């Protein structure tokens, strides 16, 4: 399949250009084709500009499992920033609904009192669905109570014990509003955690752009590059309890610096990750890989290949005196 895609790319270049630079680009395509990966979709984006540089099936809409939590974190941090909330000193109580949610967990229990910042770690490291829903409940309630722009940003309401007005839906509305603002045109979020839902879909291209936007938040970068984390909270009786979480992203010990893993039966193994090479940052997204372990090897292969290809493009641009490198990327698209 990838050989067919490779031939189509060359034929497209033949139709679009007969210039000298095309000869150099064609040679690069022949000598440095994309690596074989089992993922149904993948994308490599420039970590500084957000521009998708390379991909296969990158515009195909798919379920994205826990990569959804990247947007949950991004939305939470945008609200925190907008309303000047201190995530270290703002504590919330875990609801029975959040504590009982299925799937991967941060081991939160009903009545636990924990800070927003620690909750972000609990969502992004062990991929806690309970933490994700807790954030959605809290910020959904917050948005309900601060709906009018005239309300002071210093007012930070406490979450209500009963969520009669479905604050999760309010939070989801904000997630999707921000997605439009980020130009994630093929994305819709139907829940804040990524459990299987036929309407919770995105593309490799959109998730790459989202990952880059989220990485612009200092706290987000700090959280997703953390391999292990421990924190304290209070249980329902006011007694201190200790949490220890390990990041599910195994690439952190191999030079990568984020972002999130995910897997459900319908989405398959997924991964969004980030790496920096000689001042150039890349965001790499893999959707529906053949296996959980394949995600790691395929992300590393794509990172190595992307580095080499960008270097070759830089060389061609310099040799052929092409001032706009986007022209070359367009020929490769």
C-alpha atoms as a PDB file:
ATOM      1  CA  UNK A   1       0.000   0.000   0.000  1.00  0.00           C
ATOM      2  CA  UNK A   2       2.713   2.472   0.957  1.00  0.00           C
ATOM      3  CA  UNK A   3       4.566   1.756  -2.300  1.00  0.00           C
ATOM      4  CA  UNK A   4       1.394   2.694  -4.211  1.00  0.00           C
ATOM      5  CA  UNK A   5       1.140   5.929  -2.201  1.00  0.00           C
ATOM      6  CA  UNK A   6       4.808   6.595  -2.935  1.00  0.00           C
ATOM      7  CA  UNK A   7       4.308   6.141  -6.718  1.00  0.00           C
ATOM      8  CA  UNK A   8       1.230   8.396  -6.653  1.00  0.00           C
ATOM      9  CA  UNK A   9       3.276  11.129  -4.959  1.00  0.00           C
ATOM     10  CA  UNK A  10       5.914  10.944  -7.692  1.00  0.00           C
ATOM     11  CA  UNK A  11       3.286  11.009 -10.475  1.00  0.00           C
ATOM     12  CA  UNK A  12       1.671  14.037  -8.832  1.00  0.00           C
ATOM     13  CA  UNK A  13       5.011  15.846  -8.861  1.00  0.00           C
ATOM     14  CA  UNK A  14       5.517  14.944 -12.526  1.00  0.00           C
ATOM     15  CA  UNK A  15       2.206  16.589 -13.375  1.00  0.00           C
ATOM     16  CA  UNK A  16       2.804  19.662 -11.192  1.00  0.00           C
ATOM     17  CA  UNK A  17       6.404  20.477 -12.048  1.00  0.00           C
ATOM     18  CA  UNK A  18       9.061  19.872 -14.695  1.00  0.00           C
ATOM     19  CA  UNK A  19      11.610  22.217 -13.154  1.00  0.00           C
ATOM     20  CA  UNK A  20      15.088  21.498 -11.920  1.00  0.00           C
ATOM     21  CA  UNK A  21      13.962  21.345  -8.297  1.00  0.00           C
ATOM     22  CA  UNK A  22      11.503  18.597  -9.160  1.00  0.00           C
ATOM     23  CA  UNK A  23      14.403  16.389 -10.256  1.00  0.00           C
ATOM     24  CA  UNK A  24      16.033  16.843  -6.840  1.00  0.00           C
ATOM     25  CA  UNK A  25      12.779  16.179  -4.993  1.00  0.00           C
ATOM     26  CA  UNK A  26      12.073  13.087  -7.100  1.00  0.00           C
ATOM     27  CA  UNK A  27      15.526  11.735  -6.293  1.00  0.00           C
ATOM     28  CA  UNK A  28      14.878  12.302  -2.605  1.00  0.00           C
ATOM     29  CA  UNK A  29      11.543  10.476  -2.852  1.00  0.00           C
ATOM     30  CA  UNK A  30      13.217   7.492  -4.448  1.00  0.00           C
ATOM     31  CA  UNK A  31      16.128   7.335  -2.029  1.00  0.00           C
ATOM     32  CA  UNK A  32      14.233   8.215   1.144  1.00  0.00           C
ATOM     33  CA  UNK A  33      10.649   6.853   0.995  1.00  0.00           C
ATOM     34  CA  UNK A  34       8.425   6.875   4.093  1.00  0.00           C
ATOM     35  CA  UNK A  35       9.008   3.921   6.439  1.00  0.00           C
ATOM     36  CA  UNK A  36       6.473   1.124   6.610  1.00  0.00           C
ATOM     37  CA  UNK A  37       4.093   1.495   9.545  1.00  0.00           C
ATOM     38  CA  UNK A  38       1.030  -0.554  10.429  1.00  0.00           C
ATOM     39  CA  UNK A  39      -1.032   2.417  11.646  1.00  0.00           C
ATOM     40  CA  UNK A  40      -4.123   3.218   9.596  1.00  0.00           C
ATOM     41  CA  UNK A  41      -3.309   6.932   9.833  1.00  0.00           C
ATOM     42  CA  UNK A  42      -0.263   8.940  10.792  1.00  0.00           C
ATOM     43  CA  UNK A  43       0.969  12.512  10.604  1.00  0.00           C
ATOM     44  CA  UNK A  44       4.191  14.402  11.266  1.00  0.00           C
ATOM     45  CA  UNK A  45       3.847  18.131  11.951  1.00  0.00           C
ATOM     46  CA  UNK A  46       6.228  21.017  12.549  1.00  0.00           C
ATOM     47  CA  UNK A  47       6.156  21.551  16.300  1.00  0.00           C
ATOM     48  CA  UNK A  48       6.666  25.295  15.955  1.00  0.00           C
ATOM     49  CA  UNK A  49       4.235  26.225  13.187  1.00  0.00           C
ATOM     50  CA  UNK A  50       1.674  23.432  13.509  1.00  0.00           C
ATOM     51  CA  UNK A  51       1.937  22.718   9.797  1.00  0.00           C
ATOM     52  CA  UNK A  52       1.510  19.049   8.882  1.00  0.00           C
ATOM     53  CA  UNK A  53       4.593  18.111   6.879  1.00  0.00           C
ATOM     54  CA  UNK A  54       4.040  14.449   6.055  1.00  0.00           C
ATOM     55  CA  UNK A  55       1.362  11.850   6.550  1.00  0.00           C
ATOM     56  CA  UNK A  56      -0.723   8.958   5.333  1.00  0.00           C
ATOM     57  CA  UNK A  57      -4.469   8.922   5.782  1.00  0.00           C
ATOM     58  CA  UNK A  58      -3.929  11.973   7.974  1.00  0.00           C
ATOM     59  CA  UNK A  59      -7.336  13.457   7.077  1.00  0.00           C
ATOM     60  CA  UNK A  60      -9.320  10.263   7.757  1.00  0.00           C
ATOM     61  CA  UNK A  61     -11.692  10.637  10.714  1.00  0.00           C
ATOM     62  CA  UNK A  62     -11.280   7.974  13.385  1.00  0.00           C
ATOM     63  CA  UNK A  63     -11.960   7.384  17.045  1.00  0.00           C
ATOM     64  CA  UNK A  64      -8.993   8.597  19.052  1.00  0.00           C
ATOM     65  CA  UNK A  65      -9.387   6.931  22.460  1.00  0.00           C
ATOM     66  CA  UNK A  66      -7.518   8.719  25.270  1.00  0.00           C
ATOM     67  CA  UNK A  67      -5.877  11.215  22.927  1.00  0.00           C
ATOM     68  CA  UNK A  68      -9.142  13.004  23.731  1.00  0.00           C
ATOM     69  CA  UNK A  69      -7.564  13.871  27.085  1.00  0.00           C
ATOM     70  CA  UNK A  70      -5.148  16.230  25.327  1.00  0.00           C
ATOM     71  CA  UNK A  71      -8.150  18.438  24.559  1.00  0.00           C
ATOM     72  CA  UNK A  72      -9.555  17.988  28.068  1.00  0.00           C
ATOM     73  CA  UNK A  73      -6.242  19.230  29.472  1.00  0.00           C
ATOM     74  CA  UNK A  74      -6.012  22.049  26.921  1.00  0.00           C
ATOM     75  CA  UNK A  75      -9.553  23.227  27.678  1.00  0.00           C
ATOM     76  CA  UNK A  76      -8.918  23.096  31.418  1.00  0.00           C
ATOM     77  CA  UNK A  77      -5.720  25.115  31.055  1.00  0.00           C
ATOM     78  CA  UNK A  78      -7.415  27.687  28.827  1.00  0.00           C
ATOM     79  CA  UNK A  79     -10.108  28.214  31.483  1.00  0.00           C
ATOM     80  CA  UNK A  80      -7.460  28.375  34.198  1.00  0.00           C
ATOM     81  CA  UNK A  81      -5.601  31.015  32.205  1.00  0.00           C
ATOM     82  CA  UNK A  82      -8.671  33.046  31.280  1.00  0.00           C
ATOM     83  CA  UNK A  83     -10.037  33.242  34.813  1.00  0.00           C
ATOM     84  CA  UNK A  84      -6.673  33.414  36.630  1.00  0.00           C
ATOM     85  CA  UNK A  85      -7.327  30.248  38.623  1.00  0.00           C
ATOM     86  CA  UNK A  86      -4.451  28.876  40.685  1.00  0.00           C
ATOM     87  CA  UNK A  87      -4.376  25.120  39.919  1.00  0.00           C
ATOM     88  CA  UNK A  88      -2.145  24.383  42.919  1.00  0.00           C
ATOM     89  CA  UNK A  89      -4.433  25.931  45.521  1.00  0.00           C
ATOM     90  CA  UNK A  90      -7.821  25.166  43.965  1.00  0.00           C
ATOM     91  CA  UNK A  91      -9.175  21.856  45.268  1.00  0.00           C
ATOM     92  CA  UNK A  92     -12.172  19.845  44.133  1.00  0.00           C
ATOM     93  CA  UNK A  93     -14.148  16.963  45.578  1.00  0.00           C
ATOM     94  CA  UNK A  94     -14.442  13.797  43.506  1.00  0.00           C
ATOM     95  CA  UNK A  95     -18.024  12.793  42.726  1.00  0.00           C
ATOM     96  CA  UNK A  96     -19.384   9.259  42.901  1.00  0.00           C
ATOM     97  CA  UNK A  97     -20.015   9.362  39.133  1.00  0.00           C
ATOM     98  CA  UNK A  98     -16.378  10.196  38.365  1.00  0.00           C
ATOM     99  CA  UNK A  99     -15.027   7.686  40.872  1.00  0.00           C
ATOM    100  CA  UNK A 100     -17.064   4.847  39.359  1.00  0.00           C
ATOM    101  CA  UNK A 101     -16.297   5.434  35.670  1.00  0.00           C
ATOM    102  CA  UNK A 102     -14.914   2.430  33.803  1.00  0.00           C
ATOM    103  CA  UNK A 103     -11.564   2.054  32.078  1.00  0.00           C
ATOM    104  CA  UNK A 104      -8.112   3.340  32.997  1.00  0.00           C
ATOM    105  CA  UNK A 105      -8.039   5.023  36.377  1.00  0.00           C
ATOM    106  CA  UNK A 106      -6.066   7.320  38.663  1.00  0.00           C
ATOM    107  CA  UNK A 107      -7.621   5.347  41.566  1.00  0.00           C
ATOM    108  CA  UNK A 108      -9.687   8.284  42.770  1.00  0.00           C
ATOM    109  CA  UNK A 109     -12.481   7.608  45.236  1.00  0.00           C
ATOM    110  CA  UNK A 110     -15.711   9.413  45.990  1.00  0.00           C
ATOM    111  CA  UNK A 111     -15.097  12.275  48.401  1.00  0.00           C
ATOM    112  CA  UNK A 112     -11.380  12.628  47.677  1.00  0.00           C
ATOM    113  CA  UNK A 113     -10.218  16.243  47.794  1.00  0.00           C
ATOM    114  CA  UNK A 114      -7.429  16.973  45.308  1.00  0.00           C
ATOM    115  CA  UNK A 115      -5.942  20.002  43.563  1.00  0.00           C
ATOM    116  CA  UNK A 116      -6.611  20.805  39.911  1.00  0.00           C
ATOM    117  CA  UNK A 117      -2.892  20.529  39.141  1.00  0.00           C
ATOM    118  CA  UNK A 118      -2.605  17.054  40.634  1.00  0.00           C
ATOM    119  CA  UNK A 119      -5.769  16.066  38.802  1.00  0.00           C
ATOM    120  CA  UNK A 120      -4.080  16.988  35.507  1.00  0.00           C
ATOM    121  CA  UNK A 121      -1.240  14.606  36.375  1.00  0.00           C
ATOM    122  CA  UNK A 122      -3.782  11.930  37.279  1.00  0.00           C
ATOM    123  CA  UNK A 123      -5.413  12.299  33.885  1.00  0.00           C
ATOM    124  CA  UNK A 124      -2.330  12.514  31.670  1.00  0.00           C
ATOM    125  CA  UNK A 125       0.053  10.002  33.316  1.00  0.00           C
ATOM    126  CA  UNK A 126      -2.033   6.906  34.183  1.00  0.00           C
ATOM    127  CA  UNK A 127      -4.724   8.093  31.731  1.00  0.00           C
ATOM    128  CA  UNK A 128      -7.317   8.366  34.470  1.00  0.00           C
ATOM    129  CA  UNK A 129     -10.854   8.509  33.111  1.00  0.00           C
ATOM    130  CA  UNK A 130     -11.940   9.408  36.642  1.00  0.00           C
ATOM    131  CA  UNK A 131      -9.619  12.419  36.600  1.00  0.00           C
ATOM    132  CA  UNK A 132     -10.832  13.498  33.151  1.00  0.00           C
ATOM    133  CA  UNK A 133     -14.478  13.368  34.169  1.00  0.00           C
ATOM    134  CA  UNK A 134     -13.708  15.188  37.428  1.00  0.00           C
ATOM    135  CA  UNK A 135     -12.121  18.052  35.496  1.00  0.00           C
ATOM    136  CA  UNK A 136     -15.091  18.186  33.124  1.00  0.00           C
ATOM    137  CA  UNK A 137     -17.549  18.249  36.023  1.00  0.00           C
ATOM    138  CA  UNK A 138     -15.678  20.972  37.885  1.00  0.00           C
ATOM    139  CA  UNK A 139     -15.042  23.285  34.951  1.00  0.00           C
ATOM    140  CA  UNK A 140     -18.508  22.630  33.503  1.00  0.00           C
ATOM    141  CA  UNK A 141     -20.002  23.841  36.776  1.00  0.00           C
ATOM    142  CA  UNK A 142     -17.577  26.757  36.830  1.00  0.00           C
ATOM    143  CA  UNK A 143     -18.586  27.827  33.323  1.00  0.00           C
ATOM    144  CA  UNK A 144     -22.278  27.570  34.204  1.00  0.00           C
ATOM    145  CA  UNK A 145     -21.789  29.903  37.135  1.00  0.00           C
ATOM    146  CA  UNK A 146     -19.594  32.381  35.254  1.00  0.00           C
ATOM    147  CA  UNK A 147     -21.517  32.420  31.976  1.00  0.00           C
ATOM    148  CA  UNK A 148     -21.878  36.203  31.925  1.00  0.00           C
ATOM    149  CA  UNK A 149     -18.674  38.074  30.972  1.00  0.00           C
ATOM    150  CA  UNK A 150     -19.498  40.767  33.561  1.00  0.00           C
ATOM    151  CA  UNK A 151     -18.862  38.329  36.410  1.00  0.00           C
ATOM    152  CA  UNK A 152     -15.521  38.911  38.131  1.00  0.00           C
ATOM    153  CA  UNK A 153     -12.745  36.546  37.071  1.00  0.00           C
ATOM    154  CA  UNK A 154     -11.695  36.389  40.737  1.00  0.00           C
ATOM    155  CA  UNK A 155     -14.829  34.480  41.624  1.00  0.00           C
ATOM    156  CA  UNK A 156     -13.988  30.781  41.759  1.00  0.00           C
ATOM    157  CA  UNK A 157     -17.084  28.817  42.762  1.00  0.00           C
ATOM    158  CA  UNK A 158     -16.930  25.521  44.577  1.00  0.00           C
ATOM    159  CA  UNK A 159     -18.316  22.559  42.619  1.00  0.00           C
ATOM    160  CA  UNK A 160     -21.815  21.535  43.592  1.00  0.00           C
ATOM    161  CA  UNK A 161     -22.330  18.058  45.080  1.00  0.00           C
ATOM    162  CA  UNK A 162     -25.157  17.282  42.676  1.00  0.00           C
ATOM    163  CA  UNK A 163     -24.615  17.856  38.962  1.00  0.00           C
ATOM    164  CA  UNK A 164     -28.241  18.383  38.019  1.00  0.00           C
ATOM    165  CA  UNK A 165     -27.471  20.628  35.053  1.00  0.00           C
ATOM    166  CA  UNK A 166     -25.080  18.210  33.317  1.00  0.00           C
ATOM    167  CA  UNK A 167     -21.866  20.257  33.645  1.00  0.00           C
ATOM    168  CA  UNK A 168     -20.008  17.658  31.572  1.00  0.00           C
ATOM    169  CA  UNK A 169     -22.047  18.774  28.553  1.00  0.00           C
ATOM    170  CA  UNK A 170     -21.167  22.399  29.252  1.00  0.00           C
ATOM    171  CA  UNK A 171     -17.498  21.450  29.318  1.00  0.00           C
ATOM    172  CA  UNK A 172     -17.844  19.454  26.083  1.00  0.00           C
ATOM    173  CA  UNK A 173     -19.394  22.476  24.419  1.00  0.00           C
ATOM    174  CA  UNK A 174     -16.319  24.482  25.428  1.00  0.00           C
ATOM    175  CA  UNK A 175     -14.006  21.720  24.146  1.00  0.00           C
ATOM    176  CA  UNK A 176     -15.671  21.829  20.750  1.00  0.00           C
ATOM    177  CA  UNK A 177     -15.726  25.625  20.685  1.00  0.00           C
ATOM    178  CA  UNK A 178     -11.984  25.704  21.272  1.00  0.00           C
ATOM    179  CA  UNK A 179     -11.506  22.981  18.652  1.00  0.00           C
ATOM    180  CA  UNK A 180     -13.110  25.281  16.077  1.00  0.00           C
ATOM    181  CA  UNK A 181     -10.786  28.064  17.182  1.00  0.00           C
ATOM    182  CA  UNK A 182      -7.790  25.792  16.607  1.00  0.00           C
ATOM    183  CA  UNK A 183      -9.123  24.950  13.125  1.00  0.00           C
ATOM    184  CA  UNK A 184      -9.606  21.269  13.982  1.00  0.00           C
ATOM    185  CA  UNK A 185     -12.147  21.003  11.180  1.00  0.00           C
ATOM    186  CA  UNK A 186     -12.505  17.218  11.250  1.00  0.00           C
ATOM    187  CA  UNK A 187     -12.798  16.886  15.022  1.00  0.00           C
ATOM    188  CA  UNK A 188     -15.741  16.456  17.374  1.00  0.00           C
ATOM    189  CA  UNK A 189     -15.540  15.572  21.057  1.00  0.00           C
ATOM    190  CA  UNK A 190     -18.412  13.572  22.555  1.00  0.00           C
ATOM    191  CA  UNK A 191     -16.797  12.903  25.941  1.00  0.00           C
ATOM    192  CA  UNK A 192     -13.817  14.190  27.955  1.00  0.00           C
ATOM    193  CA  UNK A 193     -12.013  10.851  28.406  1.00  0.00           C
ATOM    194  CA  UNK A 194     -12.049   8.996  25.094  1.00  0.00           C
ATOM    195  CA  UNK A 195     -14.061   5.890  25.943  1.00  0.00           C
ATOM    196  CA  UNK A 196     -15.542   4.309  22.812  1.00  0.00           C
ATOM    197  CA  UNK A 197     -18.088   6.589  21.168  1.00  0.00           C
ATOM    198  CA  UNK A 198     -18.840   6.671  17.450  1.00  0.00           C
ATOM    199  CA  UNK A 199     -19.164  10.462  17.551  1.00  0.00           C
ATOM    200  CA  UNK A 200     -15.860  11.109  19.348  1.00  0.00           C
ATOM    201  CA  UNK A 201     -13.606  11.381  16.310  1.00  0.00           C
ATOM    202  CA  UNK A 202     -10.683  13.307  14.891  1.00  0.00           C
ATOM    203  CA  UNK A 203      -7.822  12.884  12.417  1.00  0.00           C
ATOM    204  CA  UNK A 204      -4.081  12.413  12.745  1.00  0.00           C
ATOM    205  CA  UNK A 205      -3.644  15.870  11.252  1.00  0.00           C
ATOM    206  CA  UNK A 206      -5.981  17.560  13.743  1.00  0.00           C
ATOM    207  CA  UNK A 207      -4.496  15.758  16.748  1.00  0.00           C
ATOM    208  CA  UNK A 208      -1.007  16.872  15.663  1.00  0.00           C
ATOM    209  CA  UNK A 209      -2.199  20.488  15.572  1.00  0.00           C
ATOM    210  CA  UNK A 210      -3.949  20.096  18.927  1.00  0.00           C
ATOM    211  CA  UNK A 211      -0.843  18.560  20.516  1.00  0.00           C
ATOM    212  CA  UNK A 212       1.276  21.495  19.393  1.00  0.00           C
ATOM    213  CA  UNK A 213      -1.247  24.009  20.766  1.00  0.00           C
ATOM    214  CA  UNK A 214      -1.382  22.169  24.092  1.00  0.00           C
ATOM    215  CA  UNK A 215       2.423  22.023  24.309  1.00  0.00           C
ATOM    216  CA  UNK A 216       2.428  25.831  24.274  1.00  0.00           C
ATOM    217  CA  UNK A 217       1.144  25.708  27.865  1.00  0.00           C
ATOM    218  CA  UNK A 218       4.092  25.458  30.306  1.00  0.00           C
ATOM    219  CA  UNK A 219       2.122  23.370  32.812  1.00  0.00           C
ATOM    220  CA  UNK A 220       0.989  20.974  30.075  1.00  0.00           C
ATOM    221  CA  UNK A 221       4.607  20.470  28.938  1.00  0.00           C
ATOM    222  CA  UNK A 222       5.661  19.860  32.519  1.00  0.00           C
ATOM    223  CA  UNK A 223       2.930  17.280  33.072  1.00  0.00           C
ATOM    224  CA  UNK A 224       3.312  15.256  29.874  1.00  0.00           C
ATOM    225  CA  UNK A 225       7.093  14.933  30.087  1.00  0.00           C
ATOM    226  CA  UNK A 226       6.892  13.645  33.683  1.00  0.00           C
ATOM    227  CA  UNK A 227       7.590   9.905  33.894  1.00  0.00           C
ATOM    228  CA  UNK A 228       6.527   9.349  37.506  1.00  0.00           C
ATOM    229  CA  UNK A 229       4.585  11.515  39.911  1.00  0.00           C
ATOM    230  CA  UNK A 230       3.374  11.289  43.481  1.00  0.00           C
ATOM    231  CA  UNK A 231       1.079  13.631  45.366  1.00  0.00           C
ATOM    232  CA  UNK A 232      -1.085  13.857  48.427  1.00  0.00           C
ATOM    233  CA  UNK A 233      -4.829  14.325  48.751  1.00  0.00           C
ATOM    234  CA  UNK A 234      -7.491  13.983  51.422  1.00  0.00           C
ATOM    235  CA  UNK A 235     -10.086  11.232  51.512  1.00  0.00           C
ATOM    236  CA  UNK A 236     -13.762  11.697  52.431  1.00  0.00           C
ATOM    237  CA  UNK A 237     -12.874  11.545  56.149  1.00  0.00           C
ATOM    238  CA  UNK A 238     -10.221  14.241  55.832  1.00  0.00           C
ATOM    239  CA  UNK A 239      -7.367  11.762  56.164  1.00  0.00           C
ATOM    240  CA  UNK A 240      -4.252  12.150  54.049  1.00  0.00           C
ATOM    241  CA  UNK A 241      -3.692   9.691  51.202  1.00  0.00           C
ATOM    242  CA  UNK A 242      -0.842   9.259  48.736  1.00  0.00           C
ATOM    243  CA  UNK A 243      -1.104   8.758  44.976  1.00  0.00           C
ATOM    244  CA  UNK A 244       1.705   7.360  42.812  1.00  0.00           C
ATOM    245  CA  UNK A 245       1.283   7.518  39.040  1.00  0.00           C
ATOM    246  CA  UNK A 246       3.442   6.274  36.169  1.00  0.00           C
ATOM    247  CA  UNK A 247       3.269   7.726  32.670  1.00  0.00           C
ATOM    248  CA  UNK A 248       1.963   5.307  30.031  1.00  0.00           C
ATOM    249  CA  UNK A 249       4.194   6.945  27.391  1.00  0.00           C
ATOM    250  CA  UNK A 250       7.246   4.659  27.189  1.00  0.00           C
ATOM    251  CA  UNK A 251       9.007   6.958  24.703  1.00  0.00           C
ATOM    252  CA  UNK A 252       9.784   9.518  27.406  1.00  0.00           C
ATOM    253  CA  UNK A 253      12.907   7.550  28.289  1.00  0.00           C
ATOM    254  CA  UNK A 254      14.050   7.620  24.645  1.00  0.00           C
ATOM    255  CA  UNK A 255      14.312  11.359  23.994  1.00  0.00           C
ATOM    256  CA  UNK A 256      10.632  12.172  23.405  1.00  0.00           C
ATOM    257  CA  UNK A 257       8.932  14.795  25.581  1.00  0.00           C
ATOM    258  CA  UNK A 258       5.173  14.028  25.475  1.00  0.00           C
ATOM    259  CA  UNK A 259       2.252  13.780  24.687  1.00  0.00           C
ATOM    260  CA  UNK A 260      -0.390  10.997  25.245  1.00  0.00           C
ATOM    261  CA  UNK A 261      -1.202   7.355  24.621  1.00  0.00           C
ATOM    262  CA  UNK A 262      -4.598   5.820  23.977  1.00  0.00           C
ATOM    263  CA  UNK A 263      -6.334   2.547  23.180  1.00  0.00           C
ATOM    264  CA  UNK A 264      -9.892   1.256  22.922  1.00  0.00           C
ATOM    265  CA  UNK A 265     -11.282  -1.712  20.954  1.00  0.00           C
ATOM    266  CA  UNK A 266     -12.773   0.634  18.353  1.00  0.00           C
ATOM    267  CA  UNK A 267      -9.909   3.142  18.085  1.00  0.00           C
ATOM    268  CA  UNK A 268      -7.046   0.667  18.318  1.00  0.00           C
ATOM    269  CA  UNK A 269      -3.657   1.612  19.766  1.00  0.00           C
ATOM    270  CA  UNK A 270      -3.030   5.359  19.353  1.00  0.00           C
ATOM    271  CA  UNK A 271      -0.194   7.717  20.188  1.00  0.00           C
ATOM    272  CA  UNK A 272       0.561  11.417  20.003  1.00  0.00           C
ATOM    273  CA  UNK A 273       4.151  12.259  20.787  1.00  0.00           C
ATOM    274  CA  UNK A 274       6.656  15.078  20.514  1.00  0.00           C
ATOM    275  CA  UNK A 275      10.404  15.250  19.967  1.00  0.00           C
ATOM    276  CA  UNK A 276      12.992  17.938  19.333  1.00  0.00           C
ATOM    277  CA  UNK A 277      15.977  17.588  16.980  1.00  0.00           C
ATOM    278  CA  UNK A 278      18.611  20.294  16.597  1.00  0.00           C
ATOM    279  CA  UNK A 279      16.156  23.063  17.360  1.00  0.00           C
ATOM    280  CA  UNK A 280      13.323  21.628  15.253  1.00  0.00           C
ATOM    281  CA  UNK A 281      10.313  20.182  17.062  1.00  0.00           C
ATOM    282  CA  UNK A 282       8.090  17.486  15.586  1.00  0.00           C
ATOM    283  CA  UNK A 283       4.655  16.281  16.635  1.00  0.00           C
ATOM    284  CA  UNK A 284       3.946  12.703  15.559  1.00  0.00           C
ATOM    285  CA  UNK A 285       0.503  11.093  15.674  1.00  0.00           C
ATOM    286  CA  UNK A 286      -0.300   7.427  15.076  1.00  0.00           C
ATOM    287  CA  UNK A 287      -3.889   6.163  14.943  1.00  0.00           C
ATOM    288  CA  UNK A 288      -4.974   2.516  14.963  1.00  0.00           C
ATOM    289  CA  UNK A 289      -1.581   0.842  15.015  1.00  0.00           C
ATOM    290  CA  UNK A 290      -1.471  -2.942  14.705  1.00  0.00           C
ATOM    291  CA  UNK A 291      -0.412  -3.395  18.324  1.00  0.00           C
ATOM    292  CA  UNK A 292       0.393  -1.411  21.444  1.00  0.00           C
ATOM    293  CA  UNK A 293       4.127  -2.100  21.075  1.00  0.00           C
ATOM    294  CA  UNK A 294       4.098  -1.104  17.403  1.00  0.00           C
ATOM    295  CA  UNK A 295       3.284   2.445  18.464  1.00  0.00           C
ATOM    296  CA  UNK A 296       6.723   2.895  20.016  1.00  0.00           C
ATOM    297  CA  UNK A 297       8.751   1.471  17.123  1.00  0.00           C
ATOM    298  CA  UNK A 298       6.689   3.240  14.472  1.00  0.00           C
ATOM    299  CA  UNK A 299       6.914   6.628  16.214  1.00  0.00           C
ATOM    300  CA  UNK A 300      10.692   6.250  16.418  1.00  0.00           C
ATOM    301  CA  UNK A 301      10.903   5.247  12.744  1.00  0.00           C
ATOM    302  CA  UNK A 302       8.790   8.213  11.673  1.00  0.00           C
ATOM    303  CA  UNK A 303      10.812  10.608  13.834  1.00  0.00           C
ATOM    304  CA  UNK A 304      14.113   9.410  12.370  1.00  0.00           C
ATOM    305  CA  UNK A 305      12.751   9.517   8.832  1.00  0.00           C
ATOM    306  CA  UNK A 306      11.194  12.985   9.285  1.00  0.00           C
ATOM    307  CA  UNK A 307      14.471  14.395  10.603  1.00  0.00           C
ATOM    308  CA  UNK A 308      16.328  13.027   7.578  1.00  0.00           C
ATOM    309  CA  UNK A 309      13.739  14.268   5.116  1.00  0.00           C
ATOM    310  CA  UNK A 310      13.646  17.775   6.562  1.00  0.00           C
ATOM    311  CA  UNK A 311      17.440  17.931   6.357  1.00  0.00           C
ATOM    312  CA  UNK A 312      17.304  16.856   2.700  1.00  0.00           C
ATOM    313  CA  UNK A 313      14.612  19.444   1.954  1.00  0.00           C
ATOM    314  CA  UNK A 314      16.748  22.128   3.578  1.00  0.00           C
ATOM    315  CA  UNK A 315      19.670  21.002   1.416  1.00  0.00           C
ATOM    316  CA  UNK A 316      17.581  21.078  -1.773  1.00  0.00           C
ATOM    317  CA  UNK A 317      16.215  24.516  -0.921  1.00  0.00           C
ATOM    318  CA  UNK A 318      19.730  25.799  -0.360  1.00  0.00           C
ATOM    319  CA  UNK A 319      21.245  24.151  -3.451  1.00  0.00           C
ATOM    320  CA  UNK A 320      18.422  25.124  -5.808  1.00  0.00           C
ATOM    321  CA  UNK A 321      18.066  28.565  -4.180  1.00  0.00           C
ATOM    322  CA  UNK A 322      14.408  28.010  -3.299  1.00  0.00           C
ATOM    323  CA  UNK A 323      13.412  30.677  -0.795  1.00  0.00           C
ATOM    324  CA  UNK A 324       9.993  29.184  -0.024  1.00  0.00           C
ATOM    325  CA  UNK A 325      10.413  25.620   1.256  1.00  0.00           C
ATOM    326  CA  UNK A 326       6.633  25.242   1.322  1.00  0.00           C
ATOM    327  CA  UNK A 327       6.892  24.751  -2.441  1.00  0.00           C
ATOM    328  CA  UNK A 328       8.828  21.544  -1.863  1.00  0.00           C
ATOM    329  CA  UNK A 329       6.435  20.323   0.815  1.00  0.00           C
ATOM    330  CA  UNK A 330       3.554  21.008  -1.547  1.00  0.00           C
ATOM    331  CA  UNK A 331       5.194  18.805  -4.161  1.00  0.00           C
ATOM    332  CA  UNK A 332       5.462  16.035  -1.567  1.00  0.00           C
ATOM    333  CA  UNK A 333       1.858  16.356  -0.354  1.00  0.00           C
END
